[in-house]
Amino acid sequence: MSDFLTQKPVILASGSFSRKILLDSLGIKFQVVHSDCDEEAIKKEIISSSKIELAKILARHKALAVSERFPEHIVIAADQLCVIDNDSLDKPGSHAVAIRHLRLLSGKTHQQISACCIAEKGEVLCQFEDTASLTMNELTDEQIESYLLLDKPYQSCGAYHFEGMAKWLFSHVNGSEDTIRGLPLVPLANYLLRVGAVTLR
């Protein structure tokens, strides 16, 4: 923490290494606490045609689960969905599934939706979301295999690390890189200021 900022105690309710790096870049101090939410169970309970609403609901569940355990902290939670043709792709988790995901995305346009929720004392202070649209080049099976062996993006929605070598995979990107990586920083910073979690000196 520098003389530029003052803040309340902050928790990032996410085990994502990318989100930790992104939040670190804002210069605030925080601890990481996993929400331990059963995302698949929550998804099965939700009947919604809106992928944005689904991402917001998941982020809210994560934020409130941690906020109830740490009521004196500002809790930041996020959820990300990779959406193509109104279907969402989960983290592949394995090489074989990642191949299927990249074959599906090859030559097409898809969206990365990042939803965030900020909570305190078991209550939601605010929610927001941002969407980026990405068009992937036509990829051969050999190119997909080579990329996956290089970046190993098996825990990333869409089966690519945009912060790494994945930029070579795309012909067009419309949106924030922070959103693609799972934590839209400019709106997050503004909402943290708005709710009084962080102040500028």
N, C-alpha and C. Protein backbone atom coordinates (compact mmCIF):
# COMPACT_ATOMS: atom_id res chain seq x y z
N MET A 1 0.84 -1.20 0.00
CA MET A 1 0.00 0.00 0.00
C MET A 1 0.88 1.25 0.00
N SER A 2 0.58 2.16 -0.90
CA SER A 2 1.35 3.39 -1.00
C SER A 2 0.58 4.52 -0.33
N ASP A 3 1.19 5.71 -0.33
CA ASP A 3 0.52 6.89 0.21
C ASP A 3 -0.60 7.36 -0.70
N PHE A 4 -0.70 6.78 -1.87
CA PHE A 4 -1.73 7.17 -2.84
C PHE A 4 -3.12 6.67 -2.43
N LEU A 5 -3.17 5.52 -1.73
CA LEU A 5 -4.44 4.87 -1.41
C LEU A 5 -4.58 4.59 0.07
N THR A 6 -5.83 4.61 0.55
CA THR A 6 -6.18 4.01 1.83
C THR A 6 -7.31 3.03 1.56
N GLN A 7 -7.45 2.02 2.41
CA GLN A 7 -8.43 0.98 2.11
C GLN A 7 -8.93 0.29 3.36
N LYS A 8 -10.08 -0.36 3.21
CA LYS A 8 -10.58 -1.28 4.21
C LYS A 8 -9.94 -2.65 3.97
N PRO A 9 -10.05 -3.58 4.91
CA PRO A 9 -9.55 -4.94 4.67
C PRO A 9 -10.30 -5.58 3.49
N VAL A 10 -9.56 -6.19 2.59
CA VAL A 10 -10.13 -6.73 1.35
C VAL A 10 -9.80 -8.21 1.21
N ILE A 11 -10.79 -8.97 0.74
CA ILE A 11 -10.61 -10.38 0.42
C ILE A 11 -10.97 -10.59 -1.04
N LEU A 12 -10.14 -11.34 -1.74
CA LEU A 12 -10.47 -11.81 -3.08
C LEU A 12 -10.98 -13.24 -2.94
N ALA A 13 -12.27 -13.44 -3.25
CA ALA A 13 -12.89 -14.75 -3.09
C ALA A 13 -12.70 -15.57 -4.36
N SER A 14 -11.44 -15.85 -4.66
CA SER A 14 -11.12 -16.58 -5.89
C SER A 14 -9.76 -17.22 -5.77
N GLY A 15 -9.65 -18.42 -6.29
CA GLY A 15 -8.36 -19.09 -6.32
C GLY A 15 -7.63 -18.88 -7.63
N SER A 16 -8.18 -18.04 -8.50
CA SER A 16 -7.59 -17.81 -9.82
C SER A 16 -6.28 -17.04 -9.70
N PHE A 17 -5.21 -17.61 -10.24
CA PHE A 17 -3.92 -16.94 -10.22
C PHE A 17 -3.97 -15.67 -11.06
N SER A 18 -4.68 -15.72 -12.19
CA SER A 18 -4.79 -14.55 -13.06
C SER A 18 -5.49 -13.40 -12.34
N ARG A 19 -6.58 -13.69 -11.62
CA ARG A 19 -7.28 -12.63 -10.88
C ARG A 19 -6.41 -12.05 -9.78
N LYS A 20 -5.63 -12.89 -9.13
CA LYS A 20 -4.72 -12.39 -8.09
C LYS A 20 -3.71 -11.42 -8.69
N ILE A 21 -3.14 -11.78 -9.83
CA ILE A 21 -2.17 -10.89 -10.49
C ILE A 21 -2.84 -9.58 -10.90
N LEU A 22 -4.05 -9.67 -11.43
CA LEU A 22 -4.76 -8.47 -11.86
C LEU A 22 -5.06 -7.56 -10.67
N LEU A 23 -5.57 -8.13 -9.57
CA LEU A 23 -5.90 -7.29 -8.42
C LEU A 23 -4.64 -6.71 -7.79
N ASP A 24 -3.55 -7.48 -7.79
CA ASP A 24 -2.26 -6.96 -7.32
C ASP A 24 -1.87 -5.69 -8.06
N SER A 25 -2.21 -5.63 -9.35
CA SER A 25 -1.79 -4.50 -10.17
C SER A 25 -2.47 -3.20 -9.74
N LEU A 26 -3.57 -3.29 -8.98
CA LEU A 26 -4.23 -2.08 -8.49
C LEU A 26 -3.53 -1.50 -7.26
N GLY A 27 -2.59 -2.25 -6.70
CA GLY A 27 -1.82 -1.73 -5.58
C GLY A 27 -2.50 -1.81 -4.23
N ILE A 28 -3.56 -2.60 -4.12
CA ILE A 28 -4.22 -2.75 -2.82
C ILE A 28 -3.76 -4.05 -2.16
N LYS A 29 -3.87 -4.08 -0.84
CA LYS A 29 -3.55 -5.28 -0.09
C LYS A 29 -4.81 -6.13 0.06
N PHE A 30 -4.65 -7.42 -0.07
CA PHE A 30 -5.80 -8.31 0.07
C PHE A 30 -5.33 -9.70 0.41
N GLN A 31 -6.24 -10.49 0.94
CA GLN A 31 -5.97 -11.90 1.15
C GLN A 31 -6.91 -12.70 0.26
N VAL A 32 -6.51 -13.92 -0.04
CA VAL A 32 -7.30 -14.79 -0.89
C VAL A 32 -8.01 -15.83 -0.03
N VAL A 33 -9.33 -15.93 -0.21
CA VAL A 33 -10.13 -16.93 0.49
C VAL A 33 -11.03 -17.61 -0.53
N HIS A 34 -10.93 -18.91 -0.64
CA HIS A 34 -11.77 -19.64 -1.58
C HIS A 34 -13.22 -19.67 -1.07
N SER A 35 -14.16 -19.52 -1.97
CA SER A 35 -15.58 -19.51 -1.58
C SER A 35 -16.10 -20.92 -1.30
N ASP A 36 -15.51 -21.92 -1.95
CA ASP A 36 -15.94 -23.32 -1.83
C ASP A 36 -17.40 -23.51 -2.26
N CYS A 37 -17.89 -22.64 -3.13
CA CYS A 37 -19.25 -22.81 -3.66
C CYS A 37 -19.27 -23.97 -4.66
N ASP A 38 -20.38 -24.71 -4.65
CA ASP A 38 -20.58 -25.78 -5.63
C ASP A 38 -21.20 -25.15 -6.87
N GLU A 39 -20.35 -24.72 -7.79
CA GLU A 39 -20.84 -23.99 -8.96
C GLU A 39 -21.76 -24.83 -9.83
N GLU A 40 -21.45 -26.10 -9.97
CA GLU A 40 -22.28 -26.95 -10.82
C GLU A 40 -23.68 -27.12 -10.23
N ALA A 41 -23.76 -27.24 -8.92
CA ALA A 41 -25.07 -27.35 -8.27
C ALA A 41 -25.87 -26.07 -8.44
N ILE A 42 -25.19 -24.92 -8.33
CA ILE A 42 -25.87 -23.63 -8.49
C ILE A 42 -26.39 -23.50 -9.92
N LYS A 43 -25.57 -23.90 -10.90
CA LYS A 43 -25.98 -23.81 -12.30
C LYS A 43 -27.23 -24.65 -12.57
N LYS A 44 -27.31 -25.82 -11.94
CA LYS A 44 -28.46 -26.70 -12.15
C LYS A 44 -29.74 -26.11 -11.58
N GLU A 45 -29.59 -25.28 -10.54
CA GLU A 45 -30.76 -24.67 -9.90
C GLU A 45 -31.26 -23.44 -10.65
N ILE A 46 -30.40 -22.87 -11.49
CA ILE A 46 -30.73 -21.61 -12.15
C ILE A 46 -31.37 -21.89 -13.51
N ILE A 47 -32.54 -21.32 -13.72
CA ILE A 47 -33.20 -21.39 -15.02
C ILE A 47 -33.18 -19.98 -15.59
N SER A 48 -32.23 -19.73 -16.47
CA SER A 48 -32.08 -18.38 -17.02
C SER A 48 -31.54 -18.49 -18.43
N SER A 49 -32.13 -17.73 -19.34
CA SER A 49 -31.64 -17.72 -20.72
C SER A 49 -30.46 -16.77 -20.89
N SER A 50 -30.20 -15.96 -19.86
CA SER A 50 -29.15 -14.95 -19.95
C SER A 50 -27.86 -15.48 -19.33
N LYS A 51 -26.82 -15.57 -20.14
CA LYS A 51 -25.52 -15.99 -19.62
C LYS A 51 -24.93 -14.92 -18.70
N ILE A 52 -25.23 -13.66 -18.99
CA ILE A 52 -24.75 -12.59 -18.12
C ILE A 52 -25.37 -12.73 -16.74
N GLU A 53 -26.66 -13.01 -16.68
CA GLU A 53 -27.32 -13.17 -15.39
C GLU A 53 -26.76 -14.37 -14.64
N LEU A 54 -26.46 -15.45 -15.35
CA LEU A 54 -25.87 -16.62 -14.71
C LEU A 54 -24.53 -16.27 -14.09
N ALA A 55 -23.68 -15.56 -14.83
CA ALA A 55 -22.37 -15.17 -14.29
C ALA A 55 -22.53 -14.28 -13.06
N LYS A 56 -23.50 -13.37 -13.09
CA LYS A 56 -23.72 -12.48 -11.95
C LYS A 56 -24.20 -13.26 -10.72
N ILE A 57 -25.08 -14.23 -10.93
CA ILE A 57 -25.58 -15.04 -9.82
C ILE A 57 -24.44 -15.84 -9.19
N LEU A 58 -23.58 -16.42 -10.01
CA LEU A 58 -22.46 -17.20 -9.49
C LEU A 58 -21.49 -16.30 -8.71
N ALA A 59 -21.21 -15.12 -9.24
CA ALA A 59 -20.33 -14.19 -8.52
C ALA A 59 -20.95 -13.78 -7.18
N ARG A 60 -22.25 -13.56 -7.18
CA ARG A 60 -22.93 -13.17 -5.94
C ARG A 60 -22.87 -14.28 -4.89
N HIS A 61 -23.10 -15.51 -5.31
CA HIS A 61 -23.01 -16.65 -4.38
C HIS A 61 -21.62 -16.72 -3.73
N LYS A 62 -20.59 -16.55 -4.55
CA LYS A 62 -19.22 -16.62 -4.04
C LYS A 62 -18.95 -15.49 -3.04
N ALA A 63 -19.36 -14.27 -3.40
CA ALA A 63 -19.10 -13.12 -2.54
C ALA A 63 -19.80 -13.26 -1.20
N LEU A 64 -21.06 -13.66 -1.22
CA LEU A 64 -21.82 -13.77 0.03
C LEU A 64 -21.34 -14.92 0.90
N ALA A 65 -20.92 -16.02 0.27
CA ALA A 65 -20.42 -17.16 1.04
C ALA A 65 -19.19 -16.77 1.86
N VAL A 66 -18.31 -15.96 1.27
CA VAL A 66 -17.11 -15.54 1.99
C VAL A 66 -17.42 -14.38 2.93
N SER A 67 -18.29 -13.48 2.52
CA SER A 67 -18.62 -12.32 3.35
C SER A 67 -19.28 -12.74 4.67
N GLU A 68 -20.07 -13.78 4.63
CA GLU A 68 -20.70 -14.26 5.88
C GLU A 68 -19.66 -14.80 6.85
N ARG A 69 -18.55 -15.29 6.34
CA ARG A 69 -17.47 -15.80 7.20
C ARG A 69 -16.53 -14.69 7.65
N PHE A 70 -16.43 -13.63 6.84
CA PHE A 70 -15.52 -12.51 7.14
C PHE A 70 -16.29 -11.19 7.02
N PRO A 71 -17.21 -10.92 7.95
CA PRO A 71 -18.11 -9.77 7.80
C PRO A 71 -17.42 -8.41 7.84
N GLU A 72 -16.23 -8.33 8.40
CA GLU A 72 -15.56 -7.03 8.51
C GLU A 72 -14.68 -6.73 7.31
N HIS A 73 -14.72 -7.61 6.31
CA HIS A 73 -13.91 -7.40 5.12
C HIS A 73 -14.79 -7.01 3.93
N ILE A 74 -14.20 -6.27 3.03
CA ILE A 74 -14.78 -6.09 1.70
C ILE A 74 -14.41 -7.33 0.88
N VAL A 75 -15.40 -7.98 0.33
CA VAL A 75 -15.16 -9.22 -0.42
C VAL A 75 -15.42 -8.97 -1.90
N ILE A 76 -14.43 -9.32 -2.71
CA ILE A 76 -14.55 -9.23 -4.16
C ILE A 76 -14.62 -10.64 -4.73
N ALA A 77 -15.68 -10.92 -5.47
CA ALA A 77 -15.81 -12.23 -6.12
C ALA A 77 -16.12 -12.01 -7.59
N ALA A 78 -15.76 -13.00 -8.39
CA ALA A 78 -15.98 -12.88 -9.83
C ALA A 78 -16.32 -14.24 -10.42
N ASP A 79 -17.00 -14.20 -11.55
CA ASP A 79 -17.24 -15.41 -12.31
C ASP A 79 -17.09 -15.08 -13.78
N GLN A 80 -16.60 -16.06 -14.53
CA GLN A 80 -16.36 -15.85 -15.95
C GLN A 80 -16.98 -16.98 -16.75
N LEU A 81 -17.61 -16.60 -17.85
CA LEU A 81 -18.18 -17.57 -18.77
C LEU A 81 -17.65 -17.31 -20.18
N CYS A 82 -17.23 -18.37 -20.83
CA CYS A 82 -16.87 -18.31 -22.25
C CYS A 82 -18.09 -18.80 -23.02
N VAL A 83 -18.68 -17.94 -23.84
CA VAL A 83 -19.97 -18.24 -24.47
C VAL A 83 -19.84 -18.26 -25.99
N ILE A 84 -20.33 -19.32 -26.60
CA ILE A 84 -20.38 -19.42 -28.04
C ILE A 84 -21.72 -20.04 -28.43
N ASP A 85 -22.44 -19.36 -29.31
CA ASP A 85 -23.76 -19.83 -29.77
C ASP A 85 -24.68 -20.13 -28.59
N ASN A 86 -24.62 -19.27 -27.56
CA ASN A 86 -25.45 -19.36 -26.36
C ASN A 86 -25.15 -20.59 -25.50
N ASP A 87 -24.06 -21.25 -25.77
CA ASP A 87 -23.57 -22.32 -24.90
C ASP A 87 -22.32 -21.82 -24.19
N SER A 88 -22.14 -22.23 -22.94
CA SER A 88 -20.95 -21.80 -22.20
C SER A 88 -19.98 -22.96 -22.06
N LEU A 89 -18.70 -22.62 -22.13
CA LEU A 89 -17.63 -23.60 -21.99
C LEU A 89 -17.01 -23.46 -20.61
N ASP A 90 -17.00 -24.53 -19.84
CA ASP A 90 -16.34 -24.53 -18.55
C ASP A 90 -14.83 -24.65 -18.74
N LYS A 91 -14.08 -24.53 -17.65
CA LYS A 91 -12.65 -24.79 -17.72
C LYS A 91 -12.45 -26.22 -18.22
N PRO A 92 -11.58 -26.42 -19.20
CA PRO A 92 -11.47 -27.75 -19.80
C PRO A 92 -10.97 -28.81 -18.83
N GLY A 93 -9.98 -28.47 -18.01
CA GLY A 93 -9.52 -29.43 -17.01
C GLY A 93 -8.60 -30.51 -17.54
N SER A 94 -8.60 -30.74 -18.84
CA SER A 94 -7.75 -31.78 -19.41
C SER A 94 -7.37 -31.40 -20.83
N HIS A 95 -6.34 -32.04 -21.33
CA HIS A 95 -5.86 -31.78 -22.68
C HIS A 95 -6.92 -32.14 -23.72
N ALA A 96 -7.56 -33.28 -23.54
CA ALA A 96 -8.55 -33.75 -24.51
C ALA A 96 -9.73 -32.80 -24.62
N VAL A 97 -10.21 -32.31 -23.48
CA VAL A 97 -11.34 -31.38 -23.49
C VAL A 97 -10.91 -30.04 -24.08
N ALA A 98 -9.70 -29.61 -23.78
CA ALA A 98 -9.19 -28.35 -24.33
C ALA A 98 -9.12 -28.41 -25.86
N ILE A 99 -8.75 -29.55 -26.40
CA ILE A 99 -8.74 -29.72 -27.86
C ILE A 99 -10.15 -29.53 -28.41
N ARG A 100 -11.14 -30.13 -27.77
CA ARG A 100 -12.53 -29.99 -28.23
C ARG A 100 -12.98 -28.54 -28.18
N HIS A 101 -12.62 -27.83 -27.13
CA HIS A 101 -13.02 -26.44 -26.99
C HIS A 101 -12.40 -25.57 -28.08
N LEU A 102 -11.12 -25.74 -28.34
CA LEU A 102 -10.47 -24.92 -29.36
C LEU A 102 -10.95 -25.28 -30.76
N ARG A 103 -11.26 -26.53 -31.00
CA ARG A 103 -11.86 -26.89 -32.29
C ARG A 103 -13.21 -26.19 -32.47
N LEU A 104 -13.97 -26.10 -31.39
CA LEU A 104 -15.28 -25.45 -31.45
C LEU A 104 -15.14 -23.95 -31.70
N LEU A 105 -14.14 -23.32 -31.08
CA LEU A 105 -13.95 -21.87 -31.20
C LEU A 105 -13.24 -21.47 -32.50
N SER A 106 -12.53 -22.40 -33.10
CA SER A 106 -11.73 -22.11 -34.28
C SER A 106 -12.56 -21.49 -35.40
N GLY A 107 -12.12 -20.32 -35.88
CA GLY A 107 -12.78 -19.64 -36.99
C GLY A 107 -14.07 -18.94 -36.63
N LYS A 108 -14.41 -18.89 -35.35
CA LYS A 108 -15.69 -18.31 -34.93
C LYS A 108 -15.49 -17.18 -33.92
N THR A 109 -16.58 -16.45 -33.67
CA THR A 109 -16.58 -15.38 -32.67
C THR A 109 -17.27 -15.87 -31.41
N HIS A 110 -16.65 -15.60 -30.27
CA HIS A 110 -17.26 -15.97 -28.99
C HIS A 110 -17.11 -14.80 -28.02
N GLN A 111 -17.73 -14.92 -26.87
CA GLN A 111 -17.70 -13.86 -25.86
C GLN A 111 -17.10 -14.39 -24.56
N GLN A 112 -16.35 -13.53 -23.90
CA GLN A 112 -15.91 -13.77 -22.54
C GLN A 112 -16.67 -12.79 -21.65
N ILE A 113 -17.50 -13.34 -20.76
CA ILE A 113 -18.29 -12.53 -19.84
C ILE A 113 -17.67 -12.62 -18.45
N SER A 114 -17.35 -11.47 -17.87
CA SER A 114 -16.81 -11.43 -16.51
C SER A 114 -17.78 -10.63 -15.63
N ALA A 115 -18.28 -11.28 -14.60
CA ALA A 115 -19.18 -10.64 -13.66
C ALA A 115 -18.49 -10.53 -12.30
N CYS A 116 -18.68 -9.40 -11.63
CA CYS A 116 -18.07 -9.18 -10.32
C CYS A 116 -19.14 -8.80 -9.30
N CYS A 117 -18.87 -9.17 -8.07
CA CYS A 117 -19.75 -8.78 -6.96
C CYS A 117 -18.87 -8.32 -5.80
N ILE A 118 -19.25 -7.22 -5.18
CA ILE A 118 -18.57 -6.71 -3.99
C ILE A 118 -19.55 -6.77 -2.83
N ALA A 119 -19.14 -7.41 -1.74
CA ALA A 119 -20.03 -7.61 -0.59
C ALA A 119 -19.32 -7.21 0.71
N GLU A 120 -20.14 -6.88 1.70
CA GLU A 120 -19.65 -6.56 3.04
C GLU A 120 -20.74 -6.91 4.04
N LYS A 121 -20.33 -7.53 5.15
CA LYS A 121 -21.27 -7.90 6.22
C LYS A 121 -22.43 -8.75 5.70
N GLY A 122 -22.14 -9.64 4.77
CA GLY A 122 -23.17 -10.53 4.24
C GLY A 122 -24.17 -9.87 3.33
N GLU A 123 -23.87 -8.66 2.86
CA GLU A 123 -24.77 -7.94 1.97
C GLU A 123 -24.03 -7.53 0.70
N VAL A 124 -24.74 -7.56 -0.42
CA VAL A 124 -24.17 -7.13 -1.69
C VAL A 124 -24.12 -5.60 -1.74
N LEU A 125 -22.94 -5.06 -1.97
CA LEU A 125 -22.80 -3.61 -2.13
C LEU A 125 -23.02 -3.19 -3.57
N CYS A 126 -22.53 -4.00 -4.51
CA CYS A 126 -22.74 -3.70 -5.92
C CYS A 126 -22.36 -4.90 -6.76
N GLN A 127 -22.87 -4.90 -7.98
CA GLN A 127 -22.54 -5.92 -8.96
C GLN A 127 -22.36 -5.25 -10.32
N PHE A 128 -21.50 -5.80 -11.14
CA PHE A 128 -21.34 -5.29 -12.49
C PHE A 128 -20.77 -6.41 -13.36
N GLU A 129 -20.81 -6.20 -14.65
CA GLU A 129 -20.25 -7.19 -15.57
C GLU A 129 -19.70 -6.48 -16.80
N ASP A 130 -18.86 -7.18 -17.51
CA ASP A 130 -18.31 -6.65 -18.75
C ASP A 130 -18.12 -7.82 -19.71
N THR A 131 -18.25 -7.53 -21.00
CA THR A 131 -18.16 -8.58 -22.02
C THR A 131 -17.15 -8.20 -23.08
N ALA A 132 -16.32 -9.14 -23.46
CA ALA A 132 -15.39 -8.97 -24.58
C ALA A 132 -15.76 -9.97 -25.66
N SER A 133 -15.58 -9.56 -26.89
CA SER A 133 -15.89 -10.42 -28.04
C SER A 133 -14.59 -10.73 -28.78
N LEU A 134 -14.38 -12.01 -29.06
CA LEU A 134 -13.12 -12.44 -29.68
C LEU A 134 -13.40 -13.33 -30.89
N THR A 135 -12.68 -13.09 -31.97
CA THR A 135 -12.78 -13.93 -33.16
C THR A 135 -11.48 -14.69 -33.33
N MET A 136 -11.59 -16.01 -33.36
CA MET A 136 -10.41 -16.86 -33.43
C MET A 136 -10.10 -17.20 -34.89
N ASN A 137 -8.83 -17.25 -35.19
CA ASN A 137 -8.40 -17.71 -36.51
C ASN A 137 -8.81 -19.17 -36.72
N GLU A 138 -8.86 -19.57 -37.98
CA GLU A 138 -9.02 -20.99 -38.29
C GLU A 138 -7.73 -21.71 -37.89
N LEU A 139 -7.87 -22.68 -36.99
CA LEU A 139 -6.70 -23.38 -36.48
C LEU A 139 -6.69 -24.83 -36.95
N THR A 140 -5.53 -25.31 -37.32
CA THR A 140 -5.40 -26.73 -37.64
C THR A 140 -5.25 -27.52 -36.36
N ASP A 141 -5.47 -28.82 -36.43
CA ASP A 141 -5.28 -29.67 -35.25
C ASP A 141 -3.84 -29.61 -34.76
N GLU A 142 -2.91 -29.47 -35.68
CA GLU A 142 -1.50 -29.38 -35.30
C GLU A 142 -1.23 -28.08 -34.54
N GLN A 143 -1.83 -26.99 -34.98
CA GLN A 143 -1.65 -25.71 -34.28
C GLN A 143 -2.28 -25.75 -32.90
N ILE A 144 -3.45 -26.35 -32.78
CA ILE A 144 -4.12 -26.49 -31.49
C ILE A 144 -3.25 -27.30 -30.54
N GLU A 145 -2.74 -28.42 -31.01
CA GLU A 145 -1.90 -29.28 -30.19
C GLU A 145 -0.65 -28.55 -29.73
N SER A 146 0.00 -27.85 -30.64
CA SER A 146 1.23 -27.12 -30.30
C SER A 146 0.96 -26.04 -29.27
N TYR A 147 -0.15 -25.30 -29.47
CA TYR A 147 -0.46 -24.24 -28.52
C TYR A 147 -0.74 -24.80 -27.13
N LEU A 148 -1.54 -25.85 -27.04
CA LEU A 148 -1.89 -26.41 -25.75
C LEU A 148 -0.67 -26.95 -25.01
N LEU A 149 0.23 -27.57 -25.72
CA LEU A 149 1.44 -28.08 -25.08
C LEU A 149 2.33 -26.94 -24.57
N LEU A 150 2.23 -25.78 -25.23
CA LEU A 150 3.04 -24.63 -24.82
C LEU A 150 2.45 -23.91 -23.61
N ASP A 151 1.16 -23.57 -23.65
CA ASP A 151 0.54 -22.72 -22.63
C ASP A 151 -0.18 -23.52 -21.53
N LYS A 152 -0.61 -24.74 -21.84
CA LYS A 152 -1.32 -25.60 -20.87
C LYS A 152 -2.46 -24.84 -20.16
N PRO A 153 -3.42 -24.32 -20.93
CA PRO A 153 -4.48 -23.48 -20.35
C PRO A 153 -5.68 -24.28 -19.85
N TYR A 154 -5.44 -25.32 -19.09
CA TYR A 154 -6.50 -26.27 -18.76
C TYR A 154 -7.44 -25.77 -17.66
N GLN A 155 -7.05 -24.68 -16.99
CA GLN A 155 -7.91 -24.10 -15.96
C GLN A 155 -8.45 -22.73 -16.38
N SER A 156 -8.47 -22.48 -17.69
CA SER A 156 -8.93 -21.19 -18.21
C SER A 156 -10.15 -21.39 -19.10
N CYS A 157 -11.18 -20.56 -18.88
CA CYS A 157 -12.37 -20.61 -19.73
C CYS A 157 -11.99 -20.33 -21.18
N GLY A 158 -12.38 -21.21 -22.08
CA GLY A 158 -12.04 -21.05 -23.47
C GLY A 158 -10.82 -21.82 -23.89
N ALA A 159 -10.10 -22.39 -22.91
CA ALA A 159 -8.90 -23.19 -23.17
C ALA A 159 -7.78 -22.37 -23.80
N TYR A 160 -7.61 -21.13 -23.32
CA TYR A 160 -6.47 -20.33 -23.76
C TYR A 160 -6.09 -19.33 -22.68
N HIS A 161 -4.80 -19.00 -22.62
CA HIS A 161 -4.28 -17.97 -21.73
C HIS A 161 -4.07 -16.71 -22.57
N PHE A 162 -5.01 -15.79 -22.49
CA PHE A 162 -4.89 -14.59 -23.32
C PHE A 162 -3.67 -13.76 -22.95
N GLU A 163 -3.26 -13.85 -21.67
CA GLU A 163 -2.09 -13.10 -21.24
C GLU A 163 -0.79 -13.73 -21.74
N GLY A 164 -0.88 -14.93 -22.30
CA GLY A 164 0.30 -15.63 -22.78
C GLY A 164 0.37 -15.63 -24.30
N MET A 165 0.58 -16.83 -24.87
CA MET A 165 0.77 -16.95 -26.31
C MET A 165 -0.53 -16.95 -27.10
N ALA A 166 -1.66 -16.92 -26.41
CA ALA A 166 -2.95 -17.04 -27.09
C ALA A 166 -3.26 -15.88 -28.03
N LYS A 167 -2.61 -14.75 -27.86
CA LYS A 167 -2.89 -13.63 -28.76
C LYS A 167 -2.63 -14.00 -30.22
N TRP A 168 -1.78 -14.98 -30.47
CA TRP A 168 -1.52 -15.44 -31.83
C TRP A 168 -2.72 -16.18 -32.42
N LEU A 169 -3.68 -16.56 -31.58
CA LEU A 169 -4.81 -17.36 -32.05
C LEU A 169 -5.94 -16.52 -32.63
N PHE A 170 -5.90 -15.20 -32.43
CA PHE A 170 -7.07 -14.37 -32.73
C PHE A 170 -6.86 -13.41 -33.89
N SER A 171 -7.93 -13.21 -34.65
CA SER A 171 -7.90 -12.23 -35.74
C SER A 171 -8.50 -10.90 -35.32
N HIS A 172 -9.38 -10.92 -34.32
CA HIS A 172 -10.03 -9.67 -33.89
C HIS A 172 -10.47 -9.81 -32.43
N VAL A 173 -10.24 -8.75 -31.66
CA VAL A 173 -10.65 -8.72 -30.26
C VAL A 173 -11.29 -7.37 -29.99
N ASN A 174 -12.48 -7.40 -29.41
CA ASN A 174 -13.18 -6.17 -29.05
C ASN A 174 -13.52 -6.24 -27.56
N GLY A 175 -12.76 -5.51 -26.76
CA GLY A 175 -13.01 -5.52 -25.33
C GLY A 175 -11.72 -5.46 -24.54
N SER A 176 -11.85 -5.40 -23.23
CA SER A 176 -10.72 -5.23 -22.32
C SER A 176 -10.00 -6.56 -22.08
N GLU A 177 -8.68 -6.50 -22.07
CA GLU A 177 -7.90 -7.70 -21.75
C GLU A 177 -8.18 -8.16 -20.32
N ASP A 178 -8.41 -7.22 -19.40
CA ASP A 178 -8.74 -7.60 -18.03
C ASP A 178 -10.02 -8.42 -17.97
N THR A 179 -11.00 -8.03 -18.78
CA THR A 179 -12.26 -8.78 -18.84
C THR A 179 -12.01 -10.18 -19.37
N ILE A 180 -11.21 -10.29 -20.42
CA ILE A 180 -10.90 -11.59 -20.99
C ILE A 180 -10.20 -12.48 -19.96
N ARG A 181 -9.40 -11.87 -19.11
CA ARG A 181 -8.66 -12.63 -18.09
C ARG A 181 -9.48 -12.87 -16.82
N GLY A 182 -10.67 -12.24 -16.72
CA GLY A 182 -11.57 -12.58 -15.63
C GLY A 182 -11.80 -11.57 -14.55
N LEU A 183 -11.24 -10.34 -14.68
CA LEU A 183 -11.47 -9.32 -13.65
C LEU A 183 -11.34 -7.93 -14.27
N PRO A 184 -12.47 -7.32 -14.66
CA PRO A 184 -12.42 -5.99 -15.30
C PRO A 184 -11.95 -4.92 -14.31
N LEU A 185 -10.74 -4.43 -14.48
CA LEU A 185 -10.11 -3.61 -13.44
C LEU A 185 -10.64 -2.18 -13.37
N VAL A 186 -10.89 -1.54 -14.50
CA VAL A 186 -11.35 -0.14 -14.43
C VAL A 186 -12.70 -0.03 -13.75
N PRO A 187 -13.73 -0.81 -14.15
CA PRO A 187 -14.98 -0.74 -13.39
C PRO A 187 -14.83 -1.19 -11.95
N LEU A 188 -13.98 -2.18 -11.69
CA LEU A 188 -13.78 -2.63 -10.31
C LEU A 188 -13.20 -1.50 -9.46
N ALA A 189 -12.18 -0.82 -9.97
CA ALA A 189 -11.59 0.29 -9.21
C ALA A 189 -12.61 1.37 -8.92
N ASN A 190 -13.44 1.69 -9.89
CA ASN A 190 -14.45 2.73 -9.69
C ASN A 190 -15.51 2.32 -8.68
N TYR A 191 -15.91 1.04 -8.72
CA TYR A 191 -16.90 0.58 -7.74
C TYR A 191 -16.30 0.51 -6.34
N LEU A 192 -15.03 0.15 -6.21
CA LEU A 192 -14.39 0.14 -4.89
C LEU A 192 -14.34 1.56 -4.31
N LEU A 193 -14.09 2.54 -5.18
CA LEU A 193 -14.14 3.94 -4.73
C LEU A 193 -15.56 4.33 -4.35
N ARG A 194 -16.52 3.91 -5.14
CA ARG A 194 -17.92 4.31 -4.93
C ARG A 194 -18.47 3.80 -3.61
N VAL A 195 -18.09 2.56 -3.25
CA VAL A 195 -18.63 1.98 -2.00
C VAL A 195 -17.76 2.30 -0.80
N GLY A 196 -16.69 3.08 -0.99
CA GLY A 196 -15.83 3.48 0.12
C GLY A 196 -14.85 2.44 0.58
N ALA A 197 -14.64 1.39 -0.23
CA ALA A 197 -13.67 0.36 0.15
C ALA A 197 -12.25 0.89 0.01
N VAL A 198 -12.06 1.77 -0.96
CA VAL A 198 -10.76 2.39 -1.21
C VAL A 198 -10.99 3.88 -1.41
N THR A 199 -10.06 4.67 -0.91
CA THR A 199 -10.12 6.12 -1.13
C THR A 199 -8.75 6.59 -1.61
N LEU A 200 -8.76 7.64 -2.41
CA LEU A 200 -7.52 8.25 -2.86
C LEU A 200 -7.12 9.36 -1.89
N ARG A 201 -5.89 9.37 -1.51
CA ARG A 201 -5.43 10.39 -0.54
C ARG A 201 -5.22 11.73 -1.22
